[in-house]
Amino acid sequence: MIDNCATVRDTATVLKSSKSTVHKDVTSRLKRLNPNLAAQVRRILDVNKAERHIRGGQATCRKYKHLKDN
């Protein structure tokens, strides 16, 4: 997650786990195991949350562009 600035969804796909499990692991459990690593992950989660609306808009744009081309 840290190396690729991956989203929770991307991380869950790679780990073959649910988004809620990954989120719980990186927010709660990791804090107890490795606080420094948890702080790094928290920064990535905050960035991803701040950019979420932009990614959604880009996905919508791609969707309608694809529909227009067909």
Protein backbone atom coordinates (compact mmCIF):
# COMPACT_ATOMS: atom_id res chain seq x y z
CA MET A 1 0.00 0.00 0.00
CA ILE A 2 2.79 2.40 0.89
CA ASP A 3 5.07 1.57 -2.04
CA ASN A 4 2.35 2.05 -4.66
CA CYS A 5 0.14 4.58 -2.86
CA ALA A 6 -2.58 2.01 -3.42
CA THR A 7 -6.18 2.43 -2.40
CA VAL A 8 -7.88 0.14 0.08
CA ARG A 9 -9.75 -1.45 -2.82
CA ASP A 10 -6.55 -2.13 -4.77
CA THR A 11 -4.87 -3.55 -1.69
CA ALA A 12 -7.86 -5.78 -0.95
CA THR A 13 -7.77 -7.13 -4.49
CA VAL A 14 -4.08 -8.00 -4.24
CA LEU A 15 -4.51 -9.62 -0.83
CA LYS A 16 -7.73 -11.38 -1.88
CA SER A 17 -9.50 -9.93 1.13
CA SER A 18 -12.44 -7.60 1.69
CA LYS A 19 -12.10 -3.83 1.75
CA SER A 20 -13.45 -3.69 5.29
CA THR A 21 -10.86 -6.20 6.52
CA VAL A 22 -8.02 -4.29 4.90
CA HIS A 23 -9.31 -0.99 6.28
CA LYS A 24 -9.66 -2.43 9.78
CA ASP A 25 -6.17 -3.94 9.58
CA VAL A 26 -4.43 -0.77 8.44
CA THR A 27 -6.31 1.63 10.71
CA SER A 28 -6.71 -0.28 13.97
CA ARG A 29 -4.54 -3.35 14.14
CA LEU A 30 -1.48 -1.87 12.48
CA LYS A 31 -1.51 1.02 14.95
CA ARG A 32 -0.90 -1.45 17.78
CA LEU A 33 1.74 -3.45 15.91
CA ASN A 34 3.77 -0.70 14.25
CA PRO A 35 2.76 2.93 14.96
CA ASN A 36 5.30 4.40 12.51
CA LEU A 37 4.05 2.27 9.64
CA ALA A 38 0.46 3.05 10.64
CA ALA A 39 1.22 6.78 10.39
CA GLN A 40 2.56 6.33 6.85
CA VAL A 41 -0.53 4.37 5.83
CA ARG A 42 -2.78 7.00 7.43
CA ARG A 43 -1.20 9.68 5.22
CA ILE A 44 -1.91 7.57 2.12
CA LEU A 45 -5.50 6.96 3.24
CA ASP A 46 -5.98 10.70 3.76
CA VAL A 47 -4.62 11.50 0.29
CA ASN A 48 -6.81 8.83 -1.30
CA LYS A 49 -9.85 10.16 0.52
CA ALA A 50 -9.10 13.71 -0.61
CA GLU A 51 -8.73 12.57 -4.24
CA ARG A 52 -11.72 10.21 -4.24
CA HIS A 53 -14.10 12.66 -5.89
CA ILE A 54 -11.60 13.31 -8.68
CA ARG A 55 -11.19 9.59 -9.46
CA GLY A 56 -14.97 9.20 -9.50
CA GLY A 57 -15.32 12.04 -11.99
CA GLN A 58 -12.62 10.55 -14.20
CA ALA A 59 -14.36 7.16 -14.16
CA THR A 60 -17.66 8.77 -15.15
CA CYS A 61 -15.93 10.65 -17.96
CA ARG A 62 -14.36 7.43 -19.28
CA LYS A 63 -17.71 5.63 -19.06
CA TYR A 64 -19.60 8.17 -21.13
CA LYS A 65 -16.75 8.61 -23.60
CA HIS A 66 -16.77 4.84 -24.14
CA LEU A 67 -20.55 4.85 -24.63
CA LYS A 68 -20.29 7.73 -27.10
CA ASP A 69 -17.62 5.92 -29.13
CA ASN A 70 -19.76 2.80 -29.53
